[in-house]
N, C-alpha and C. Protein backbone atom coordinates (compact mmCIF):
# COMPACT_ATOMS: atom_id res chain seq x y z
N MET A 1 -51.70 -214.27 7.26
CA MET A 1 -52.61 -214.02 8.49
C MET A 1 -53.55 -213.36 8.26
N ASN A 2 -54.31 -214.42 8.05
CA ASN A 2 -56.50 -213.23 7.96
C ASN A 2 -56.02 -212.13 9.81
N LEU A 3 -57.04 -211.81 9.69
CA LEU A 3 -57.54 -210.68 10.11
C LEU A 3 -59.11 -210.71 10.78
N TYR A 4 -59.10 -210.55 12.11
CA TYR A 4 -60.74 -211.02 12.47
C TYR A 4 -60.66 -209.42 13.18
N ALA A 5 -62.32 -208.98 13.08
CA ALA A 5 -62.63 -207.87 14.66
C ALA A 5 -62.67 -209.21 15.11
N CYS A 6 -63.20 -209.37 16.71
CA CYS A 6 -63.06 -210.20 17.84
C CYS A 6 -64.01 -209.43 18.92
N SER A 7 -64.57 -210.19 19.64
CA SER A 7 -65.73 -209.51 20.16
C SER A 7 -66.61 -210.78 21.23
N TYR A 8 -66.68 -210.21 22.73
CA TYR A 8 -67.93 -211.14 22.93
C TYR A 8 -69.20 -210.10 22.49
N ASP A 9 -70.26 -211.47 22.62
CA ASP A 9 -71.59 -210.54 21.40
C ASP A 9 -72.49 -209.97 22.59
N HIS A 10 -71.84 -209.56 23.92
CA HIS A 10 -72.92 -209.18 24.70
C HIS A 10 -72.40 -207.85 24.65
N GLU A 11 -70.89 -207.45 24.21
CA GLU A 11 -69.78 -206.09 23.90
C GLU A 11 -70.30 -205.74 22.71
N ASP A 12 -69.61 -203.99 23.24
CA ASP A 12 -70.31 -203.19 21.69
C ASP A 12 -67.97 -202.73 21.37
N TRP A 13 -67.41 -203.23 22.24
CA TRP A 13 -66.33 -202.80 22.14
C TRP A 13 -65.56 -203.98 20.75
N ILE A 14 -64.52 -204.17 20.70
CA ILE A 14 -64.07 -205.12 19.54
C ILE A 14 -62.21 -205.23 19.44
N CYS A 15 -61.38 -206.06 19.26
CA CYS A 15 -60.33 -206.29 19.88
C CYS A 15 -60.11 -207.46 17.98
N TYR A 16 -58.63 -206.68 16.66
CA TYR A 16 -58.52 -206.75 16.29
C TYR A 16 -57.25 -208.62 16.58
N VAL A 17 -57.57 -209.54 15.73
CA VAL A 17 -56.55 -210.20 15.87
C VAL A 17 -56.33 -210.76 14.52
N PHE A 18 -55.14 -211.43 14.33
CA PHE A 18 -54.59 -211.83 13.23
C PHE A 18 -54.15 -213.49 13.70
N ALA A 19 -54.91 -214.18 13.00
CA ALA A 19 -55.03 -215.76 13.21
C ALA A 19 -54.79 -216.08 12.04
N GLU A 20 -54.44 -217.74 12.30
CA GLU A 20 -54.76 -218.60 10.59
C GLU A 20 -56.24 -218.51 10.15
N THR A 21 -56.77 -219.38 11.88
CA THR A 21 -58.62 -219.50 11.22
C THR A 21 -59.32 -218.79 12.24
N ARG A 22 -61.05 -218.78 11.82
CA ARG A 22 -61.48 -217.91 12.80
C ARG A 22 -61.94 -218.84 14.33
N GLY A 23 -61.90 -219.98 14.35
CA GLY A 23 -61.37 -220.80 15.64
C GLY A 23 -60.17 -220.13 16.50
N LYS A 24 -58.67 -220.09 15.87
CA LYS A 24 -57.44 -219.60 16.66
C LYS A 24 -57.94 -218.38 17.05
N ALA A 25 -58.43 -217.16 16.31
CA ALA A 25 -58.53 -215.87 16.56
C ALA A 25 -59.62 -215.46 17.68
N LYS A 26 -60.79 -216.74 17.98
CA LYS A 26 -61.48 -216.44 19.10
C LYS A 26 -60.85 -216.90 20.18
N HIS A 27 -59.94 -218.22 20.07
CA HIS A 27 -58.87 -218.40 21.37
C HIS A 27 -58.04 -217.68 21.74
N LEU A 28 -57.16 -216.68 21.17
CA LEU A 28 -56.65 -216.23 21.46
C LEU A 28 -57.05 -214.84 21.83
N PHE A 29 -58.49 -214.20 21.78
CA PHE A 29 -58.44 -212.75 22.11
C PHE A 29 -59.28 -213.34 23.50
N ASN A 30 -60.30 -215.09 23.63
CA ASN A 30 -60.60 -215.37 24.77
C ASN A 30 -59.72 -215.18 25.69
N LYS A 31 -58.43 -216.19 25.74
CA LYS A 31 -57.71 -215.35 26.56
C LYS A 31 -57.02 -214.36 26.60
N PHE A 32 -56.80 -213.33 25.44
CA PHE A 32 -55.95 -212.42 26.28
C PHE A 32 -56.43 -211.70 26.91
N CYS A 33 -58.28 -211.67 26.46
CA CYS A 33 -59.55 -210.72 27.72
C CYS A 33 -59.21 -211.73 29.41
N GLY A 34 -58.74 -213.07 29.32
CA GLY A 34 -59.12 -214.10 30.92
C GLY A 34 -60.25 -214.40 30.45
N GLY A 35 -60.66 -215.18 29.32
CA GLY A 35 -62.35 -215.65 29.85
C GLY A 35 -61.23 -216.92 30.11
N ASP A 36 -62.89 -217.78 30.07
CA ASP A 36 -62.50 -219.15 30.12
C ASP A 36 -62.96 -220.17 29.25
N SER A 37 -63.33 -221.52 29.69
CA SER A 37 -64.13 -221.84 28.29
C SER A 37 -65.59 -221.72 28.58
N ASP A 38 -65.88 -221.38 29.56
CA ASP A 38 -67.78 -221.16 29.22
C ASP A 38 -68.33 -220.03 28.00
N VAL A 39 -67.43 -218.79 28.28
CA VAL A 39 -67.19 -217.47 27.33
C VAL A 39 -66.63 -217.60 25.95
N PHE A 40 -66.21 -219.05 25.89
CA PHE A 40 -65.42 -219.03 24.68
C PHE A 40 -66.51 -218.97 23.13
N VAL A 41 -67.84 -219.76 23.80
CA VAL A 41 -69.02 -219.43 22.50
C VAL A 41 -69.53 -218.19 22.49
N ASP A 42 -69.60 -217.15 23.38
CA ASP A 42 -69.61 -215.90 23.39
C ASP A 42 -69.14 -215.33 22.58
N VAL A 43 -67.93 -215.48 22.08
CA VAL A 43 -66.69 -214.82 21.09
C VAL A 43 -67.65 -214.88 19.76
N ARG A 44 -67.16 -213.21 18.82
CA ARG A 44 -67.74 -213.52 17.89
C ARG A 44 -66.33 -212.81 16.74
N SER A 45 -66.42 -213.32 15.51
CA SER A 45 -65.20 -212.82 15.15
C SER A 45 -66.28 -212.88 13.65
N ASN A 46 -65.49 -211.61 13.10
CA ASN A 46 -65.65 -211.10 11.40
C ASN A 46 -63.95 -210.88 10.94
N PHE A 47 -64.37 -211.64 9.76
CA PHE A 47 -63.45 -211.63 8.84
C PHE A 47 -62.72 -210.13 8.37
N ILE A 48 -61.30 -209.47 8.68
CA ILE A 48 -61.88 -208.35 7.95
C ILE A 48 -60.80 -208.43 6.49
N GLY A 49 -59.78 -209.13 6.30
CA GLY A 49 -59.16 -209.15 4.62
C GLY A 49 -57.55 -209.84 5.49
N LYS A 50 -56.28 -210.11 4.34
CA LYS A 50 -55.71 -211.31 4.60
C LYS A 50 -54.69 -210.29 4.74
N SER A 51 -53.40 -210.71 5.26
CA SER A 51 -52.32 -209.96 5.52
C SER A 51 -50.93 -210.94 4.98
N ASN A 52 -49.75 -210.31 3.94
CA ASN A 52 -48.98 -211.28 3.96
C ASN A 52 -47.78 -210.21 4.88
N ILE A 53 -48.17 -209.59 5.77
CA ILE A 53 -47.05 -208.77 6.43
C ILE A 53 -46.61 -209.52 8.05
N VAL A 54 -47.92 -210.22 7.91
CA VAL A 54 -48.48 -210.38 9.51
C VAL A 54 -48.61 -211.96 9.70
N GLU A 55 -47.37 -212.14 10.27
CA GLU A 55 -46.41 -213.86 9.87
C GLU A 55 -46.70 -214.49 11.26
N ILE A 56 -46.68 -213.96 12.17
CA ILE A 56 -47.35 -214.43 14.00
C ILE A 56 -49.21 -214.56 14.29
N PRO A 57 -49.58 -215.27 14.82
CA PRO A 57 -50.98 -214.75 14.97
C PRO A 57 -50.31 -213.99 16.30
N THR A 58 -50.84 -212.63 16.22
CA THR A 58 -51.06 -212.30 17.16
C THR A 58 -52.61 -210.87 17.62
N VAL A 59 -53.03 -210.40 18.75
CA VAL A 59 -53.89 -209.39 18.74
C VAL A 59 -53.09 -208.44 19.05
N VAL A 60 -53.97 -207.47 18.37
CA VAL A 60 -53.38 -205.91 18.90
C VAL A 60 -54.68 -205.59 19.14
N ASP A 61 -54.39 -205.10 20.16
CA ASP A 61 -54.99 -204.16 20.77
C ASP A 61 -55.17 -202.69 21.39
N CYS A 62 -54.14 -202.01 20.44
CA CYS A 62 -54.05 -201.06 20.91
C CYS A 62 -53.81 -200.52 19.83
N GLU A 63 -53.38 -198.81 19.09
CA GLU A 63 -52.58 -198.22 18.33
C GLU A 63 -51.44 -198.37 17.83
N SER A 64 -51.15 -198.26 19.13
CA SER A 64 -49.43 -198.74 19.57
C SER A 64 -49.10 -199.42 19.07
N HIS A 65 -49.82 -200.56 19.56
CA HIS A 65 -49.40 -202.13 18.35
C HIS A 65 -48.36 -201.94 17.31
N LYS A 66 -47.15 -202.49 17.03
CA LYS A 66 -46.24 -202.82 15.91
C LYS A 66 -47.38 -203.49 14.51
N ASP A 67 -47.76 -204.36 14.60
CA ASP A 67 -48.66 -204.50 13.91
C ASP A 67 -50.27 -203.78 13.76
N TYR A 68 -50.23 -202.59 14.01
CA TYR A 68 -51.60 -202.22 13.36
C TYR A 68 -51.55 -201.54 12.39
N PRO A 69 -50.28 -201.09 11.79
CA PRO A 69 -50.62 -200.47 10.21
C PRO A 69 -51.25 -201.35 9.76
N ALA A 70 -51.49 -203.18 9.77
CA ALA A 70 -51.42 -203.88 8.92
C ALA A 70 -52.95 -204.17 9.15
N VAL A 71 -53.77 -203.40 10.26
CA VAL A 71 -55.11 -203.75 10.43
C VAL A 71 -55.50 -202.47 9.51
N LEU A 72 -54.69 -201.11 10.12
CA LEU A 72 -55.08 -200.19 9.12
C LEU A 72 -55.67 -200.37 7.43
N ALA A 73 -54.44 -201.10 7.30
CA ALA A 73 -53.69 -200.97 5.37
C ALA A 73 -55.42 -202.33 5.52
N LEU A 74 -55.93 -202.91 5.87
CA LEU A 74 -57.01 -203.99 5.81
C LEU A 74 -58.13 -203.09 5.92
N GLY A 75 -58.51 -201.90 6.01
CA GLY A 75 -59.69 -201.51 5.86
C GLY A 75 -60.11 -201.58 7.64
N GLY A 76 -59.32 -201.57 8.73
CA GLY A 76 -59.32 -201.77 9.93
C GLY A 76 -59.51 -200.39 10.84
N GLY A 77 -59.50 -200.59 12.14
CA GLY A 77 -58.99 -199.73 12.77
C GLY A 77 -59.62 -198.70 14.27
N TYR A 78 -59.19 -198.55 15.00
CA TYR A 78 -60.17 -198.43 16.55
C TYR A 78 -60.57 -196.80 16.00
N GLU A 79 -61.49 -196.55 17.05
CA GLU A 79 -62.79 -195.47 16.61
C GLU A 79 -62.42 -194.80 17.64
N SER A 80 -61.63 -193.20 17.66
CA SER A 80 -61.24 -192.37 18.80
C SER A 80 -62.40 -191.86 20.43
N GLU A 81 -62.11 -192.65 20.62
CA GLU A 81 -63.21 -191.93 21.46
C GLU A 81 -63.35 -190.44 21.91
N VAL A 82 -64.83 -190.31 21.58
CA VAL A 82 -65.33 -188.49 22.47
C VAL A 82 -65.51 -188.68 23.11
N GLY A 83 -65.34 -187.49 23.80
CA GLY A 83 -65.38 -187.45 25.43
C GLY A 83 -64.53 -186.97 25.89
């Protein structure tokens, strides 16, 4: 399964998505965020890497997600908020 970092083009936060293709990652991200078909075109996705561990498409929305270790193994990871 491929890992993508997804975001809306007008936002500065990202969410990691495991999916077979870039288009499926964008769809899962948009669905997860509650976006409709009008904002789908605003979703940006960047390929991070390929994992043999994760087999089911999923949105990894936080560090406590069961697939977060696979995100870290591929060089991704959420930055801690300072404040």
